[in-house]
Amino acid sequence: MEQRFNASRARQRRTELGMTVTSLAGAMGVSTSHISQIENRVYQPGLGTFLALAKALKLEASELLEEVEGGSHERRATPFPAGGGGDRDSGASSGRGPGGQRPSSADLSATPPQ
């Protein structure tokens, strides 16, 4: 058995707590569209966002996971992708350097052409 993020459980818990998408996004420091895309399974959250979501929803992280048959389900995104593939807060997929910072023009000009 494999585990993946349970978007339905996250939405259910948010509504149980009387939170709006806007209030949850504010508590986590992310955009409302980010929360909406997670809840609508556009992509799975990265590890940092997943942990922040569990904390904001006052749940143990394991309560936001569901068991699935390994390899028998269609996946739209990989849970906790390396390099932040599904997580907009990592900067890794945006061409940013360590710490999420964009390289400066000096950094770019110092790189020899390949």
N, C-alpha and C. Protein backbone atom coordinates (compact mmCIF):
# COMPACT_ATOMS: atom_id res chain seq x y z
N MET A 1 0.83 -1.19 0.00
CA MET A 1 0.00 0.00 0.00
C MET A 1 0.88 1.25 0.00
N GLU A 2 0.37 2.23 -0.64
CA GLU A 2 1.06 3.51 -0.78
C GLU A 2 0.18 4.59 -0.13
N GLN A 3 0.79 5.67 0.30
CA GLN A 3 0.02 6.77 0.87
C GLN A 3 0.16 8.01 0.00
N ARG A 4 -0.92 8.79 -0.06
CA ARG A 4 -0.87 10.06 -0.77
C ARG A 4 -1.70 11.08 -0.01
N PHE A 5 -1.50 12.33 -0.35
CA PHE A 5 -2.22 13.44 0.25
C PHE A 5 -3.72 13.31 -0.04
N ASN A 6 -4.53 13.54 0.98
CA ASN A 6 -5.98 13.45 0.86
C ASN A 6 -6.57 14.86 0.84
N ALA A 7 -6.77 15.39 -0.36
CA ALA A 7 -7.28 16.76 -0.53
C ALA A 7 -8.69 16.90 0.03
N SER A 8 -9.51 15.87 -0.09
CA SER A 8 -10.87 15.93 0.43
C SER A 8 -10.87 16.09 1.95
N ARG A 9 -9.96 15.40 2.61
CA ARG A 9 -9.86 15.50 4.07
C ARG A 9 -9.42 16.91 4.47
N ALA A 10 -8.50 17.49 3.73
CA ALA A 10 -8.04 18.84 4.04
C ALA A 10 -9.20 19.83 3.92
N ARG A 11 -9.97 19.73 2.84
CA ARG A 11 -11.11 20.63 2.65
C ARG A 11 -12.16 20.42 3.74
N GLN A 12 -12.43 19.15 4.05
CA GLN A 12 -13.42 18.83 5.10
C GLN A 12 -13.00 19.45 6.43
N ARG A 13 -11.73 19.30 6.78
CA ARG A 13 -11.25 19.84 8.05
C ARG A 13 -11.30 21.36 8.06
N ARG A 14 -10.95 21.98 6.94
CA ARG A 14 -11.01 23.45 6.85
C ARG A 14 -12.43 23.93 7.14
N THR A 15 -13.41 23.28 6.54
CA THR A 15 -14.80 23.70 6.75
C THR A 15 -15.27 23.37 8.17
N GLU A 16 -14.81 22.25 8.75
CA GLU A 16 -15.13 21.93 10.14
C GLU A 16 -14.66 23.02 11.09
N LEU A 17 -13.51 23.60 10.78
CA LEU A 17 -12.94 24.66 11.61
C LEU A 17 -13.56 26.02 11.30
N GLY A 18 -14.44 26.07 10.30
CA GLY A 18 -15.07 27.34 9.92
C GLY A 18 -14.13 28.28 9.20
N MET A 19 -13.10 27.71 8.58
CA MET A 19 -12.11 28.53 7.86
C MET A 19 -12.50 28.64 6.40
N THR A 20 -12.23 29.80 5.83
CA THR A 20 -12.37 29.98 4.39
C THR A 20 -11.03 29.67 3.74
N VAL A 21 -11.03 29.56 2.43
CA VAL A 21 -9.77 29.38 1.70
C VAL A 21 -8.87 30.57 2.00
N THR A 22 -9.45 31.75 2.06
CA THR A 22 -8.67 32.97 2.33
C THR A 22 -8.05 32.94 3.72
N SER A 23 -8.81 32.53 4.72
CA SER A 23 -8.26 32.51 6.08
C SER A 23 -7.18 31.43 6.23
N LEU A 24 -7.37 30.28 5.59
CA LEU A 24 -6.34 29.23 5.64
C LEU A 24 -5.08 29.70 4.94
N ALA A 25 -5.24 30.31 3.78
CA ALA A 25 -4.08 30.82 3.05
C ALA A 25 -3.33 31.85 3.88
N GLY A 26 -4.06 32.74 4.55
CA GLY A 26 -3.43 33.73 5.41
C GLY A 26 -2.68 33.11 6.57
N ALA A 27 -3.25 32.06 7.17
CA ALA A 27 -2.60 31.38 8.29
C ALA A 27 -1.32 30.68 7.85
N MET A 28 -1.28 30.27 6.59
CA MET A 28 -0.11 29.56 6.07
C MET A 28 0.88 30.47 5.36
N GLY A 29 0.45 31.69 5.02
CA GLY A 29 1.34 32.60 4.30
C GLY A 29 1.47 32.25 2.83
N VAL A 30 0.41 31.69 2.24
CA VAL A 30 0.39 31.37 0.81
C VAL A 30 -0.82 32.03 0.17
N SER A 31 -0.92 31.95 -1.14
CA SER A 31 -2.03 32.58 -1.84
C SER A 31 -3.30 31.71 -1.76
N THR A 32 -4.44 32.35 -1.95
CA THR A 32 -5.70 31.61 -1.97
C THR A 32 -5.74 30.64 -3.15
N SER A 33 -5.16 31.04 -4.28
CA SER A 33 -5.15 30.14 -5.43
C SER A 33 -4.31 28.90 -5.14
N HIS A 34 -3.27 29.05 -4.35
CA HIS A 34 -2.43 27.92 -3.96
C HIS A 34 -3.27 26.89 -3.20
N ILE A 35 -4.04 27.36 -2.21
CA ILE A 35 -4.89 26.46 -1.43
C ILE A 35 -5.96 25.83 -2.32
N SER A 36 -6.57 26.64 -3.16
CA SER A 36 -7.61 26.15 -4.06
C SER A 36 -7.07 25.06 -4.98
N GLN A 37 -5.89 25.25 -5.52
CA GLN A 37 -5.30 24.25 -6.42
C GLN A 37 -4.97 22.96 -5.68
N ILE A 38 -4.57 23.06 -4.43
CA ILE A 38 -4.30 21.87 -3.63
C ILE A 38 -5.62 21.14 -3.36
N GLU A 39 -6.64 21.87 -2.91
CA GLU A 39 -7.92 21.24 -2.59
C GLU A 39 -8.60 20.64 -3.82
N ASN A 40 -8.37 21.23 -4.98
CA ASN A 40 -8.97 20.73 -6.21
C ASN A 40 -8.09 19.74 -6.95
N ARG A 41 -7.04 19.28 -6.29
CA ARG A 41 -6.15 18.25 -6.80
C ARG A 41 -5.46 18.62 -8.11
N VAL A 42 -5.22 19.92 -8.31
CA VAL A 42 -4.46 20.34 -9.48
C VAL A 42 -3.03 19.82 -9.32
N TYR A 43 -2.52 19.89 -8.11
CA TYR A 43 -1.24 19.27 -7.78
C TYR A 43 -1.20 18.98 -6.30
N GLN A 44 -0.28 18.13 -5.90
CA GLN A 44 -0.10 17.77 -4.50
C GLN A 44 0.87 18.76 -3.88
N PRO A 45 0.67 19.06 -2.61
CA PRO A 45 1.59 20.00 -1.96
C PRO A 45 2.97 19.38 -1.76
N GLY A 46 3.98 20.23 -1.77
CA GLY A 46 5.32 19.80 -1.39
C GLY A 46 5.36 19.56 0.10
N LEU A 47 6.43 19.02 0.58
CA LEU A 47 6.52 18.64 1.99
C LEU A 47 6.33 19.83 2.93
N GLY A 48 6.98 20.96 2.65
CA GLY A 48 6.84 22.13 3.53
C GLY A 48 5.41 22.63 3.59
N THR A 49 4.75 22.70 2.45
CA THR A 49 3.36 23.14 2.41
C THR A 49 2.46 22.12 3.09
N PHE A 50 2.72 20.85 2.88
CA PHE A 50 1.95 19.78 3.51
C PHE A 50 2.01 19.90 5.04
N LEU A 51 3.20 20.10 5.58
CA LEU A 51 3.35 20.22 7.03
C LEU A 51 2.69 21.49 7.56
N ALA A 52 2.82 22.59 6.83
CA ALA A 52 2.17 23.85 7.24
C ALA A 52 0.65 23.70 7.19
N LEU A 53 0.15 22.98 6.21
CA LEU A 53 -1.29 22.75 6.08
C LEU A 53 -1.80 21.94 7.26
N ALA A 54 -1.10 20.88 7.61
CA ALA A 54 -1.50 20.06 8.76
C ALA A 54 -1.52 20.91 10.03
N LYS A 55 -0.52 21.74 10.22
CA LYS A 55 -0.45 22.59 11.41
C LYS A 55 -1.61 23.58 11.43
N ALA A 56 -1.87 24.24 10.31
CA ALA A 56 -2.95 25.23 10.24
C ALA A 56 -4.32 24.58 10.46
N LEU A 57 -4.46 23.31 10.04
CA LEU A 57 -5.72 22.60 10.21
C LEU A 57 -5.79 21.85 11.54
N LYS A 58 -4.76 22.01 12.36
CA LYS A 58 -4.70 21.40 13.69
C LYS A 58 -4.87 19.88 13.61
N LEU A 59 -4.09 19.30 12.70
CA LEU A 59 -4.09 17.85 12.50
C LEU A 59 -2.67 17.32 12.56
N GLU A 60 -2.56 16.03 12.86
CA GLU A 60 -1.29 15.34 12.68
C GLU A 60 -1.13 15.17 11.17
N ALA A 61 0.08 15.24 10.67
CA ALA A 61 0.32 15.11 9.24
C ALA A 61 -0.28 13.81 8.69
N SER A 62 -0.19 12.73 9.46
CA SER A 62 -0.71 11.44 9.00
C SER A 62 -2.22 11.47 8.76
N GLU A 63 -2.92 12.41 9.38
CA GLU A 63 -4.37 12.51 9.19
C GLU A 63 -4.73 13.09 7.83
N LEU A 64 -3.75 13.61 7.12
CA LEU A 64 -3.98 14.15 5.78
C LEU A 64 -3.50 13.20 4.69
N LEU A 65 -3.26 11.96 5.06
CA LEU A 65 -2.82 10.95 4.09
C LEU A 65 -3.89 9.89 3.95
N GLU A 66 -3.94 9.27 2.78
CA GLU A 66 -4.85 8.16 2.54
C GLU A 66 -4.09 7.02 1.90
N GLU A 67 -4.55 5.81 2.18
CA GLU A 67 -3.95 4.61 1.61
C GLU A 67 -4.48 4.41 0.20
N VAL A 68 -3.60 4.06 -0.71
CA VAL A 68 -3.99 3.74 -2.09
C VAL A 68 -3.25 2.49 -2.52
N GLU A 69 -3.82 1.78 -3.45
CA GLU A 69 -3.16 0.62 -4.02
C GLU A 69 -1.95 1.11 -4.82
N GLY A 70 -0.79 0.57 -4.59
CA GLY A 70 0.40 0.96 -5.31
C GLY A 70 0.28 0.70 -6.80
N GLY A 71 0.45 1.75 -7.60
CA GLY A 71 0.47 1.63 -9.05
C GLY A 71 -0.89 1.44 -9.70
N SER A 72 -1.97 1.33 -8.94
CA SER A 72 -3.26 1.08 -9.56
C SER A 72 -4.13 2.33 -9.67
N HIS A 73 -3.59 3.47 -9.32
CA HIS A 73 -4.37 4.70 -9.40
C HIS A 73 -3.69 5.69 -10.34
N GLU A 74 -4.47 6.55 -10.90
CA GLU A 74 -3.93 7.59 -11.77
C GLU A 74 -3.48 8.74 -10.89
N ARG A 75 -2.28 9.23 -11.11
CA ARG A 75 -1.76 10.31 -10.30
C ARG A 75 -1.61 11.55 -11.15
N ARG A 76 -2.06 12.67 -10.62
CA ARG A 76 -1.92 13.94 -11.32
C ARG A 76 -0.61 14.62 -10.91
N ALA A 77 -0.12 14.28 -9.75
CA ALA A 77 1.12 14.86 -9.27
C ALA A 77 1.75 13.90 -8.27
N THR A 78 3.03 14.02 -8.08
CA THR A 78 3.73 13.17 -7.13
C THR A 78 3.73 13.84 -5.76
N PRO A 79 3.37 13.11 -4.69
CA PRO A 79 3.43 13.73 -3.38
C PRO A 79 4.87 14.04 -3.00
N PHE A 80 5.09 15.19 -2.46
CA PHE A 80 6.39 15.66 -2.00
C PHE A 80 7.46 15.53 -3.06
N PRO A 81 7.28 16.14 -4.21
CA PRO A 81 8.24 15.99 -5.30
C PRO A 81 9.60 16.56 -4.96
N ALA A 82 10.63 15.87 -5.37
CA ALA A 82 11.98 16.40 -5.21
C ALA A 82 12.11 17.61 -6.10
N GLY A 83 12.70 18.65 -5.62
CA GLY A 83 12.89 19.84 -6.42
C GLY A 83 11.66 20.72 -6.50
N GLY A 84 10.62 20.42 -5.72
CA GLY A 84 9.46 21.29 -5.64
C GLY A 84 8.56 21.26 -6.84
N GLY A 85 8.53 20.17 -7.60
CA GLY A 85 7.72 20.13 -8.81
C GLY A 85 6.26 20.48 -8.61
N GLY A 86 5.67 20.15 -7.46
CA GLY A 86 4.27 20.46 -7.24
C GLY A 86 4.06 21.52 -6.20
N ASP A 87 5.10 22.15 -5.77
CA ASP A 87 4.99 23.06 -4.65
C ASP A 87 5.54 24.42 -5.04
N ARG A 88 4.69 25.41 -5.09
CA ARG A 88 5.09 26.73 -5.54
C ARG A 88 5.96 27.48 -4.53
N ASP A 89 6.06 26.98 -3.30
CA ASP A 89 6.84 27.73 -2.32
C ASP A 89 8.31 27.33 -2.29
N SER A 90 8.75 26.41 -3.13
CA SER A 90 10.13 25.94 -3.06
C SER A 90 11.10 26.72 -3.93
N GLY A 91 10.63 27.31 -5.01
CA GLY A 91 11.51 28.06 -5.90
C GLY A 91 12.40 27.19 -6.77
N ALA A 92 12.47 25.89 -6.49
CA ALA A 92 13.39 25.03 -7.23
C ALA A 92 13.01 24.89 -8.70
N SER A 93 11.73 24.94 -9.01
CA SER A 93 11.32 24.76 -10.40
C SER A 93 11.19 26.09 -11.13
N SER A 94 11.53 27.18 -10.48
CA SER A 94 11.35 28.50 -11.08
C SER A 94 12.65 29.11 -11.57
N GLY A 95 13.71 28.32 -11.64
CA GLY A 95 14.99 28.84 -12.08
C GLY A 95 15.70 29.65 -11.02
N ARG A 96 15.25 29.50 -9.80
CA ARG A 96 15.88 30.23 -8.70
C ARG A 96 16.99 29.41 -8.10
N GLY A 97 17.90 30.11 -7.48
CA GLY A 97 19.03 29.44 -6.85
C GLY A 97 18.72 29.01 -5.44
N PRO A 98 19.74 28.64 -4.67
CA PRO A 98 19.56 28.25 -3.28
C PRO A 98 18.85 29.36 -2.51
N GLY A 99 17.94 28.98 -1.64
CA GLY A 99 17.21 29.96 -0.86
C GLY A 99 16.09 30.62 -1.64
N GLY A 100 15.81 30.14 -2.87
CA GLY A 100 14.72 30.68 -3.66
C GLY A 100 15.01 32.01 -4.32
N GLN A 101 16.29 32.41 -4.33
CA GLN A 101 16.65 33.70 -4.91
C GLN A 101 17.00 33.54 -6.38
N ARG A 102 16.60 34.52 -7.17
CA ARG A 102 16.96 34.51 -8.59
C ARG A 102 18.43 34.90 -8.71
N PRO A 103 19.15 34.30 -9.67
CA PRO A 103 20.55 34.69 -9.85
C PRO A 103 20.63 36.13 -10.33
N SER A 104 21.65 36.83 -9.88
CA SER A 104 21.84 38.21 -10.31
C SER A 104 22.44 38.23 -11.72
N SER A 105 22.40 39.41 -12.35
CA SER A 105 22.98 39.52 -13.69
C SER A 105 24.48 39.25 -13.64
N ALA A 106 25.13 39.58 -12.51
CA ALA A 106 26.55 39.29 -12.36
C ALA A 106 26.80 37.78 -12.36
N ASP A 107 25.90 37.03 -11.68
CA ASP A 107 26.01 35.57 -11.66
C ASP A 107 25.85 35.01 -13.07
N LEU A 108 24.92 35.56 -13.82
CA LEU A 108 24.66 35.06 -15.17
C LEU A 108 25.79 35.39 -16.12
N SER A 109 26.35 36.60 -16.00
CA SER A 109 27.42 36.99 -16.94
C SER A 109 28.72 36.26 -16.64
N ALA A 110 28.89 35.78 -15.41
CA ALA A 110 30.11 35.09 -15.05
C ALA A 110 30.09 33.62 -15.50
N THR A 111 28.94 33.14 -15.97
CA THR A 111 28.82 31.76 -16.40
C THR A 111 29.29 31.66 -17.85
N PRO A 112 30.30 30.82 -18.13
CA PRO A 112 30.78 30.68 -19.50
C PRO A 112 29.72 30.00 -20.37
N PRO A 113 29.64 30.37 -21.64
CA PRO A 113 28.66 29.72 -22.53
C PRO A 113 28.99 28.25 -22.69
N GLN A 114 27.95 27.47 -22.92
CA GLN A 114 28.16 26.02 -23.06
C GLN A 114 28.04 25.61 -24.50
